[in-house]
Amino acid sequence: MSEERTTYFSRKMALMMLLGFSSGLPLPLIGGTLQAWMTDVGTDIKTVGLFTLVGLPYAYKLLWAPFMDTLRPPMIGTALGLRRAWMVFTQASLVLLLTAMALINPSHDLELLALLAVGVAFAGASQDIVVDAYRTDVLSESERGPGAAIFILGYRLALLCGGLSILLADYLPWQQVYLIAAITQALGIGATLLCAEVPHLEGGWTEVKQAAFSALREIFGRPGALEFLALVLIYKLPDVLAAALTTRFMMDLGFTKTAIGSVAKSFGLIATIGGALIGGTLMVRLGTVRALFIFGILQAVSVLAFAGLAQIGNNLACMAAAVAFENVCNGMATAAFTAFLMGLCNRNYTATQYALLTSLMAITRYGAGSATGFLVSSIGWSNFFVICALSGIPGLLLLSRAGKWGQPAAK
């Protein structure tokens, strides 16, 4: 127990939480928060659903990850190492892009808003590439479970800010809300400057090509590579589908933005944090595969709580209970899954391999998410959430093959 306390309360873990916050903040600002803004100005649900496509850069970040694994970013001097230089560059870009979004009126400039949102997604995805690489490099094997849980804590705190921004929009214009978000994103730069340096070799264009080829050859050359990559693609599918239009779902049931921000988002955050900490701790005792299987079942079952809420309607207590159950289970599954992803990476190619893995996850998040509006229009909210729950079965079946999967080559 004392060892767990030492791990959770170390300086390294505090920095993991800050980096998680910086990584998580852009997502609600191009996701649920943007949905609420567009709904307020009268955008139809099909267009709102299609707007999930602005996040597609998260699915394609593998394409530029080798550059970030090797080349130094522009306009950043040599005082910072490669990892921290890219972190500062991407975080500064996010501040500028979010500030630009604060100047947009969706009623008149929907196309420009979409373009800026894509820019935020590109900068956010790029930040994730280097933050994921830094986290994987700096955490030892025994720290991965707790480190994943603490990172998720920071990540979810950022999502809480997204929830609070919806609440804040009941009292301030949306443009001011996004300006506040841009200022908050600037905190990530301070967090990066507090991080310890991680030595990493820099190179030129030749090294970029070598890094990309070697990273992909190493991971695809392992036994069972296609199976564990397929698991990465579909394991989080129940949560991804259910979360795509959660804000719109709550608004359709008649919940106010204040209720969504203070209960659905804030209360959900507390539940997710608790689930992540429980999951990170239990994973050490259960082992990664058993934890993924147990938490995967809970993740799928918990989505059915929203199907029940769709039948009940506008009931704040039932909404809070459904949110709590789903978020605890999702937090447990996410903590184990994040540790699993770190374990798949060879530290010689961390940025590229982790980008490959999270790109597969993003394909599911944004590709499947773009169709959710049409699906809800066809079958209704209750049936939609039942389908979300059933989508977890293929991932659980794949886990039965985990014993035949190869591990990263010696690091």
Protein backbone atom coordinates (compact mmCIF):
# COMPACT_ATOMS: atom_id res chain seq x y z
CA MET A 1 0.00 0.00 0.00
CA SER A 2 2.80 2.43 0.84
CA GLU A 3 4.41 1.72 -2.53
CA GLU A 4 1.13 2.54 -4.30
CA ARG A 5 0.82 5.79 -2.33
CA THR A 6 4.40 6.72 -3.22
CA THR A 7 3.71 6.06 -6.89
CA TYR A 8 0.44 7.99 -7.03
CA PHE A 9 1.75 11.02 -5.14
CA SER A 10 5.15 11.41 -6.77
CA ARG A 11 6.22 14.51 -8.71
CA LYS A 12 6.26 12.44 -11.90
CA MET A 13 2.60 11.53 -11.44
CA ALA A 14 1.65 15.16 -10.80
CA LEU A 15 3.18 16.06 -14.14
CA MET A 16 1.33 13.18 -15.80
CA MET A 17 -1.90 14.73 -14.55
CA LEU A 18 -0.98 18.14 -15.96
CA LEU A 19 -0.07 16.65 -19.33
CA GLY A 20 -3.33 14.70 -19.34
CA PHE A 21 -5.20 17.95 -18.78
CA SER A 22 -3.44 19.61 -21.70
CA SER A 23 -4.16 16.62 -23.97
CA GLY A 24 -7.81 16.38 -23.01
CA LEU A 25 -8.85 20.03 -23.30
CA PRO A 26 -9.10 20.32 -27.12
CA LEU A 27 -11.46 17.34 -27.44
CA PRO A 28 -14.64 18.75 -25.84
CA LEU A 29 -14.05 22.05 -27.62
CA ILE A 30 -14.44 20.32 -31.00
CA GLY A 31 -16.88 17.74 -29.59
CA GLY A 32 -19.69 18.06 -27.07
CA THR A 33 -19.14 21.75 -26.34
CA LEU A 34 -19.17 22.56 -30.04
CA GLN A 35 -22.33 20.43 -30.40
CA ALA A 36 -24.05 22.57 -27.77
CA TRP A 37 -22.95 25.80 -29.48
CA MET A 38 -24.21 24.61 -32.87
CA THR A 39 -27.48 23.38 -31.35
CA ASP A 40 -28.00 26.80 -29.75
CA VAL A 41 -27.77 28.48 -33.16
CA GLY A 42 -30.25 26.04 -34.73
CA THR A 43 -27.97 23.61 -36.60
CA ASP A 44 -29.79 20.38 -37.56
CA ILE A 45 -28.75 17.05 -35.98
CA LYS A 46 -27.38 15.57 -39.23
CA THR A 47 -24.97 18.46 -39.63
CA VAL A 48 -24.01 18.19 -35.96
CA GLY A 49 -23.30 14.49 -36.46
CA LEU A 50 -21.21 15.19 -39.57
CA PHE A 51 -19.20 17.74 -37.59
CA THR A 52 -17.60 14.84 -35.69
CA LEU A 53 -15.49 14.46 -38.85
CA VAL A 54 -13.51 17.59 -37.89
CA GLY A 55 -11.64 15.32 -35.48
CA LEU A 56 -10.28 13.06 -38.23
CA PRO A 57 -6.69 14.33 -37.80
CA TYR A 58 -6.64 12.19 -34.66
CA ALA A 59 -7.12 9.19 -36.95
CA TYR A 60 -4.30 10.10 -39.32
CA LYS A 61 -1.58 11.31 -36.94
CA LEU A 62 0.54 8.30 -37.83
CA LEU A 63 1.32 10.11 -41.08
CA TRP A 64 3.37 12.82 -39.38
CA ALA A 65 4.43 11.04 -36.17
CA PRO A 66 7.82 9.95 -37.64
CA PHE A 67 8.67 13.61 -38.27
CA MET A 68 7.96 14.41 -34.61
CA ASP A 69 10.05 11.42 -33.57
CA THR A 70 13.09 12.81 -35.38
CA LEU A 71 12.91 16.45 -36.55
CA ARG A 72 12.88 19.60 -34.40
CA PRO A 73 9.81 21.87 -34.72
CA PRO A 74 10.12 25.31 -36.33
CA MET A 75 10.62 28.44 -34.23
CA ILE A 76 11.68 26.48 -31.13
CA GLY A 77 15.31 26.79 -30.05
CA THR A 78 17.65 24.09 -28.79
CA ALA A 79 17.14 24.96 -25.11
CA LEU A 80 14.40 22.30 -24.99
CA GLY A 81 14.89 18.68 -25.96
CA LEU A 82 12.98 17.21 -28.89
CA ARG A 83 9.98 15.97 -26.90
CA ARG A 84 9.42 19.15 -24.91
CA ALA A 85 10.04 21.36 -27.96
CA TRP A 86 7.18 19.69 -29.82
CA MET A 87 4.96 19.88 -26.74
CA VAL A 88 5.44 23.65 -26.47
CA PHE A 89 4.95 24.15 -30.22
CA THR A 90 1.66 22.23 -30.37
CA GLN A 91 0.30 23.80 -27.18
CA ALA A 92 1.03 27.33 -28.45
CA SER A 93 -0.70 26.45 -31.74
CA LEU A 94 -3.80 25.33 -29.84
CA VAL A 95 -3.96 28.62 -27.96
CA LEU A 96 -3.92 30.59 -31.22
CA LEU A 97 -6.49 28.40 -32.98
CA LEU A 98 -8.95 28.42 -30.06
CA THR A 99 -8.63 32.19 -29.91
CA ALA A 100 -9.56 32.31 -33.60
CA MET A 101 -12.61 30.10 -32.95
CA ALA A 102 -13.72 32.62 -30.32
CA LEU A 103 -14.10 35.19 -33.11
CA ILE A 104 -16.49 33.03 -35.20
CA ASN A 105 -20.28 33.12 -35.42
CA PRO A 106 -21.50 29.65 -36.55
CA SER A 107 -24.71 31.13 -37.96
CA HIS A 108 -22.73 33.00 -40.62
CA ASP A 109 -19.33 31.27 -40.80
CA LEU A 110 -20.04 27.56 -40.39
CA GLU A 111 -17.43 26.57 -42.98
CA LEU A 112 -14.73 28.70 -41.37
CA LEU A 113 -15.64 27.30 -37.96
CA ALA A 114 -15.24 23.78 -39.36
CA LEU A 115 -11.84 24.68 -40.81
CA LEU A 116 -10.60 26.09 -37.49
CA ALA A 117 -11.97 23.06 -35.65
CA VAL A 118 -9.97 20.82 -37.99
CA GLY A 119 -6.90 22.94 -37.15
CA VAL A 120 -7.54 22.44 -33.43
CA ALA A 121 -7.85 18.70 -34.04
CA PHE A 122 -4.58 18.65 -36.00
CA ALA A 123 -2.70 20.56 -33.28
CA GLY A 124 -4.36 18.46 -30.56
CA ALA A 125 -3.48 15.22 -32.34
CA SER A 126 0.10 16.42 -32.74
CA GLN A 127 0.25 17.25 -29.06
CA ASP A 128 -1.02 13.77 -28.27
CA ILE A 129 1.74 12.20 -30.40
CA VAL A 130 4.51 13.77 -28.37
CA VAL A 131 2.78 13.63 -24.96
CA ASP A 132 2.01 9.93 -25.42
CA ALA A 133 5.61 9.33 -26.45
CA TYR A 134 6.94 11.28 -23.48
CA ARG A 135 4.66 9.43 -21.05
CA THR A 136 5.65 6.03 -22.43
CA ASP A 137 9.35 6.90 -22.29
CA VAL A 138 9.33 8.32 -18.77
CA LEU A 139 7.18 5.69 -16.99
CA SER A 140 8.65 2.38 -15.91
CA GLU A 141 6.67 -0.84 -16.36
CA SER A 142 5.51 -0.81 -12.73
CA GLU A 143 4.32 2.80 -13.11
CA ARG A 144 2.18 2.24 -16.20
CA GLY A 145 -1.06 1.33 -14.41
CA PRO A 146 -0.94 4.18 -11.88
CA GLY A 147 0.48 6.51 -14.52
CA ALA A 148 -2.37 5.75 -16.89
CA ALA A 149 -4.89 6.38 -14.11
CA ILE A 150 -3.33 9.72 -13.14
CA PHE A 151 -3.08 10.79 -16.79
CA ILE A 152 -6.79 10.00 -17.20
CA LEU A 153 -7.47 12.07 -14.08
CA GLY A 154 -5.92 15.11 -15.75
CA TYR A 155 -7.61 14.27 -19.04
CA ARG A 156 -11.00 14.09 -17.38
CA LEU A 157 -10.41 17.33 -15.51
CA ALA A 158 -10.01 18.87 -18.95
CA LEU A 159 -13.27 17.30 -20.03
CA LEU A 160 -14.82 18.81 -16.91
CA CYS A 161 -13.73 22.21 -18.21
CA GLY A 162 -15.59 21.34 -21.39
CA GLY A 163 -18.67 20.55 -19.30
CA LEU A 164 -18.31 23.75 -17.31
CA SER A 165 -18.02 25.69 -20.54
CA ILE A 166 -21.50 24.46 -21.49
CA LEU A 167 -22.75 25.63 -18.11
CA LEU A 168 -20.91 28.92 -18.55
CA ALA A 169 -22.65 29.43 -21.90
CA ASP A 170 -25.91 29.94 -19.99
CA TYR A 171 -24.39 33.20 -18.70
CA LEU A 172 -21.79 34.30 -21.27
CA PRO A 173 -21.71 34.44 -25.09
CA TRP A 174 -20.16 31.39 -26.69
CA GLN A 175 -17.32 33.48 -28.12
CA GLN A 176 -16.24 34.49 -24.61
CA VAL A 177 -16.45 30.87 -23.49
CA TYR A 178 -13.99 29.82 -26.19
CA LEU A 179 -11.65 32.70 -25.35
CA ILE A 180 -11.54 31.48 -21.74
CA ALA A 181 -10.80 28.00 -23.06
CA ALA A 182 -7.86 29.34 -25.09
CA ILE A 183 -6.40 30.98 -21.98
CA THR A 184 -6.84 27.73 -20.04
CA GLN A 185 -5.06 25.77 -22.78
CA ALA A 186 -2.01 28.00 -22.25
CA LEU A 187 -1.47 26.24 -18.90
CA GLY A 188 -0.10 23.27 -20.84
CA ILE A 189 2.98 25.25 -21.80
CA GLY A 190 3.83 25.83 -18.14
CA ALA A 191 3.36 22.14 -17.40
CA THR A 192 5.74 21.18 -20.20
CA LEU A 193 8.47 23.46 -18.88
CA LEU A 194 8.26 21.67 -15.52
CA CYS A 195 8.83 18.26 -17.09
CA ALA A 196 12.21 16.54 -16.93
CA GLU A 197 14.06 16.14 -20.21
CA VAL A 198 13.94 12.76 -21.96
CA PRO A 199 17.03 12.15 -24.12
CA HIS A 200 16.04 11.38 -27.69
CA LEU A 201 18.14 11.36 -30.85
CA GLU A 202 17.37 13.94 -33.50
CA GLY A 203 18.03 13.52 -37.19
CA GLY A 204 17.24 14.62 -40.72
CA TRP A 205 14.96 13.44 -43.51
CA THR A 206 16.86 10.19 -43.95
CA GLU A 207 16.32 9.34 -40.28
CA VAL A 208 12.61 10.17 -40.61
CA LYS A 209 12.17 7.54 -43.32
CA GLN A 210 14.23 5.00 -41.39
CA ALA A 211 12.28 5.63 -38.18
CA ALA A 212 8.93 5.22 -39.93
CA PHE A 213 9.94 2.01 -41.70
CA SER A 214 11.62 0.44 -38.66
CA ALA A 215 8.76 1.28 -36.30
CA LEU A 216 6.12 -0.25 -38.55
CA ARG A 217 8.24 -3.29 -39.44
CA GLU A 218 8.87 -4.02 -35.75
CA ILE A 219 5.22 -3.86 -34.66
CA PHE A 220 3.74 -5.65 -37.71
CA GLY A 221 6.42 -8.33 -37.47
CA ARG A 222 5.21 -9.58 -34.08
CA PRO A 223 3.08 -12.74 -33.81
CA GLY A 224 -0.61 -11.85 -33.71
CA ALA A 225 -0.01 -8.25 -34.82
CA LEU A 226 -3.20 -8.00 -36.87
CA GLU A 227 -5.23 -9.35 -33.95
CA PHE A 228 -3.98 -6.95 -31.30
CA LEU A 229 -4.20 -4.04 -33.75
CA ALA A 230 -7.82 -5.03 -34.44
CA LEU A 231 -8.43 -5.00 -30.68
CA VAL A 232 -7.04 -1.47 -30.50
CA LEU A 233 -9.50 -0.51 -33.23
CA ILE A 234 -12.66 -1.88 -31.59
CA TYR A 235 -12.12 -2.30 -27.83
CA LYS A 236 -13.54 1.12 -26.95
CA LEU A 237 -16.35 0.97 -29.52
CA PRO A 238 -19.26 0.89 -27.01
CA ASP A 239 -18.05 4.06 -25.30
CA VAL A 240 -17.05 5.76 -28.56
CA LEU A 241 -20.47 5.30 -30.15
CA ALA A 242 -22.37 6.23 -27.01
CA ALA A 243 -20.31 9.35 -26.38
CA ALA A 244 -20.53 10.72 -29.93
CA LEU A 245 -23.86 12.49 -29.36
CA THR A 246 -24.24 12.39 -25.58
CA THR A 247 -24.68 16.16 -25.28
CA ARG A 248 -27.35 16.18 -27.98
CA PHE A 249 -29.05 13.20 -26.28
CA MET A 250 -29.26 15.09 -22.99
CA MET A 251 -30.58 18.22 -24.68
CA ASP A 252 -33.20 16.20 -26.60
CA LEU A 253 -34.46 14.81 -23.27
CA GLY A 254 -34.99 18.38 -22.11
CA PHE A 255 -32.08 18.80 -19.71
CA THR A 256 -30.80 22.36 -19.46
CA LYS A 257 -27.21 23.27 -20.28
CA THR A 258 -26.71 23.97 -16.58
CA ALA A 259 -27.85 20.44 -15.71
CA ILE A 260 -25.66 18.93 -18.43
CA GLY A 261 -22.62 20.93 -17.36
CA SER A 262 -23.00 20.49 -13.61
CA VAL A 263 -24.35 16.92 -13.42
CA ALA A 264 -23.68 15.02 -16.64
CA LYS A 265 -20.18 16.45 -17.08
CA SER A 266 -19.00 17.32 -13.56
CA PHE A 267 -20.53 14.36 -11.74
CA GLY A 268 -19.44 12.12 -14.59
CA LEU A 269 -15.88 13.36 -14.14
CA ILE A 270 -15.83 12.32 -10.48
CA ALA A 271 -17.13 8.89 -11.44
CA THR A 272 -14.54 8.48 -14.20
CA ILE A 273 -11.69 9.53 -11.93
CA GLY A 274 -12.82 6.99 -9.36
CA GLY A 275 -13.10 4.31 -12.04
CA ALA A 276 -9.67 5.12 -13.46
CA LEU A 277 -7.98 4.96 -10.07
CA ILE A 278 -9.75 1.69 -9.24
CA GLY A 279 -8.88 0.28 -12.66
CA GLY A 280 -5.22 1.34 -12.44
CA THR A 281 -4.88 -0.28 -9.03
CA LEU A 282 -6.73 -3.50 -9.87
CA MET A 283 -4.82 -3.90 -13.12
CA VAL A 284 -1.60 -4.43 -11.17
CA ARG A 285 -3.22 -7.36 -9.36
CA LEU A 286 -5.36 -8.79 -12.16
CA GLY A 287 -2.84 -8.48 -14.97
CA THR A 288 -3.47 -6.54 -18.15
CA VAL A 289 -5.47 -9.10 -20.14
CA ARG A 290 -7.81 -10.14 -17.31
CA ALA A 291 -8.39 -6.49 -16.46
CA LEU A 292 -9.19 -5.66 -20.07
CA PHE A 293 -11.71 -8.51 -20.25
CA ILE A 294 -13.52 -7.74 -16.98
CA PHE A 295 -13.55 -3.99 -17.51
CA GLY A 296 -14.59 -4.47 -21.15
CA ILE A 297 -17.72 -6.35 -20.06
CA LEU A 298 -18.57 -3.60 -17.57
CA GLN A 299 -17.94 -0.92 -20.20
CA ALA A 300 -20.44 -2.50 -22.61
CA VAL A 301 -23.11 -3.22 -19.98
CA SER A 302 -22.92 0.30 -18.56
CA VAL A 303 -24.03 1.86 -21.87
CA LEU A 304 -27.44 0.22 -21.35
CA ALA A 305 -28.03 2.72 -18.55
CA PHE A 306 -28.50 5.38 -21.23
CA ALA A 307 -30.99 3.15 -23.04
CA GLY A 308 -32.97 3.08 -19.81
CA LEU A 309 -32.68 6.83 -19.42
CA ALA A 310 -34.07 7.28 -22.93
CA GLN A 311 -37.19 5.43 -21.80
CA ILE A 312 -37.50 7.31 -18.50
CA GLY A 313 -36.97 10.78 -19.93
CA ASN A 314 -36.10 14.01 -18.12
CA ASN A 315 -35.31 12.77 -14.60
CA LEU A 316 -32.24 14.36 -13.02
CA ALA A 317 -31.65 11.60 -10.46
CA CYS A 318 -31.82 8.87 -13.10
CA MET A 319 -29.53 10.86 -15.37
CA ALA A 320 -26.98 11.21 -12.57
CA ALA A 321 -27.15 7.46 -11.81
CA ALA A 322 -26.73 6.51 -15.47
CA VAL A 323 -23.80 8.90 -15.89
CA ALA A 324 -22.12 7.63 -12.71
CA PHE A 325 -22.39 3.96 -13.67
CA GLU A 326 -21.22 4.46 -17.25
CA ASN A 327 -18.32 6.70 -16.29
CA VAL A 328 -16.99 4.46 -13.49
CA CYS A 329 -16.93 1.50 -15.86
CA ASN A 330 -15.46 3.56 -18.68
CA GLY A 331 -12.74 4.90 -16.38
CA MET A 332 -11.71 1.38 -15.38
CA ALA A 333 -11.59 0.18 -18.99
CA THR A 334 -9.69 3.25 -20.15
CA ALA A 335 -7.01 2.94 -17.46
CA ALA A 336 -6.32 -0.69 -18.35
CA PHE A 337 -6.44 0.01 -22.07
CA THR A 338 -4.02 2.94 -21.83
CA ALA A 339 -1.53 0.78 -19.92
CA PHE A 340 -2.01 -1.94 -22.56
CA LEU A 341 -1.13 0.53 -25.34
CA MET A 342 2.03 1.65 -23.55
CA GLY A 343 3.08 -1.98 -23.20
CA LEU A 344 2.75 -2.50 -26.96
CA CYS A 345 5.32 0.20 -27.79
CA ASN A 346 9.02 -0.30 -28.39
CA ARG A 347 10.75 2.70 -26.84
CA ASN A 348 13.02 3.09 -29.84
CA TYR A 349 9.94 4.18 -31.84
CA THR A 350 7.52 5.37 -29.18
CA ALA A 351 5.98 8.35 -30.97
CA THR A 352 5.38 6.50 -34.23
CA GLN A 353 4.05 3.27 -32.72
CA TYR A 354 1.83 4.99 -30.16
CA ALA A 355 0.53 7.25 -32.92
CA LEU A 356 -0.33 4.13 -34.96
CA LEU A 357 -2.28 2.67 -32.05
CA THR A 358 -4.17 5.84 -31.18
CA SER A 359 -4.84 6.55 -34.86
CA LEU A 360 -6.67 3.23 -35.03
CA MET A 361 -8.72 4.29 -32.02
CA ALA A 362 -9.48 7.64 -33.65
CA ILE A 363 -10.68 5.98 -36.84
CA THR A 364 -13.33 4.31 -34.73
CA ARG A 365 -14.13 7.48 -32.78
CA TYR A 366 -14.64 9.78 -35.72
CA GLY A 367 -15.52 7.36 -38.49
CA ALA A 368 -18.23 5.59 -36.52
CA GLY A 369 -19.24 8.81 -34.78
CA SER A 370 -20.07 10.53 -38.06
CA ALA A 371 -22.86 8.00 -38.73
CA THR A 372 -24.47 8.20 -35.28
CA GLY A 373 -26.77 11.09 -36.16
CA PHE A 374 -28.28 9.14 -39.06
CA LEU A 375 -28.59 6.01 -36.89
CA VAL A 376 -30.40 7.87 -34.11
CA SER A 377 -32.74 9.45 -36.67
CA SER A 378 -33.63 5.97 -37.94
CA ILE A 379 -34.01 3.86 -34.78
CA GLY A 380 -34.27 6.27 -31.84
CA TRP A 381 -32.11 6.81 -28.79
CA SER A 382 -32.99 3.67 -26.81
CA ASN A 383 -32.25 1.20 -29.63
CA PHE A 384 -29.13 3.17 -30.49
CA PHE A 385 -27.63 2.58 -27.03
CA VAL A 386 -28.48 -1.13 -27.17
CA ILE A 387 -26.47 -1.38 -30.40
CA CYS A 388 -23.63 0.49 -28.68
CA ALA A 389 -23.54 -2.12 -25.91
CA LEU A 390 -23.55 -5.06 -28.34
CA SER A 391 -20.62 -3.55 -30.25
CA GLY A 392 -18.33 -4.55 -27.36
CA ILE A 393 -18.64 -8.31 -28.03
CA PRO A 394 -16.03 -8.61 -30.85
CA GLY A 395 -13.33 -7.00 -28.71
CA LEU A 396 -13.96 -9.41 -25.86
CA LEU A 397 -13.68 -12.34 -28.27
CA LEU A 398 -10.33 -11.06 -29.55
CA LEU A 399 -8.94 -10.94 -26.02
CA SER A 400 -9.15 -14.73 -25.85
CA ARG A 401 -6.25 -14.78 -28.34
CA ALA A 402 -3.98 -12.52 -26.26
CA GLY A 403 -1.71 -15.38 -25.13
CA LYS A 404 -0.48 -15.82 -28.70
CA TRP A 405 0.54 -12.18 -29.21
CA GLY A 406 4.20 -11.22 -29.37
CA GLN A 407 5.79 -8.52 -27.17
CA PRO A 408 7.90 -5.51 -28.23
CA ALA A 409 11.49 -6.33 -29.14
CA ALA A 410 14.16 -5.61 -26.52
CA LYS A 411 14.41 -1.92 -25.80
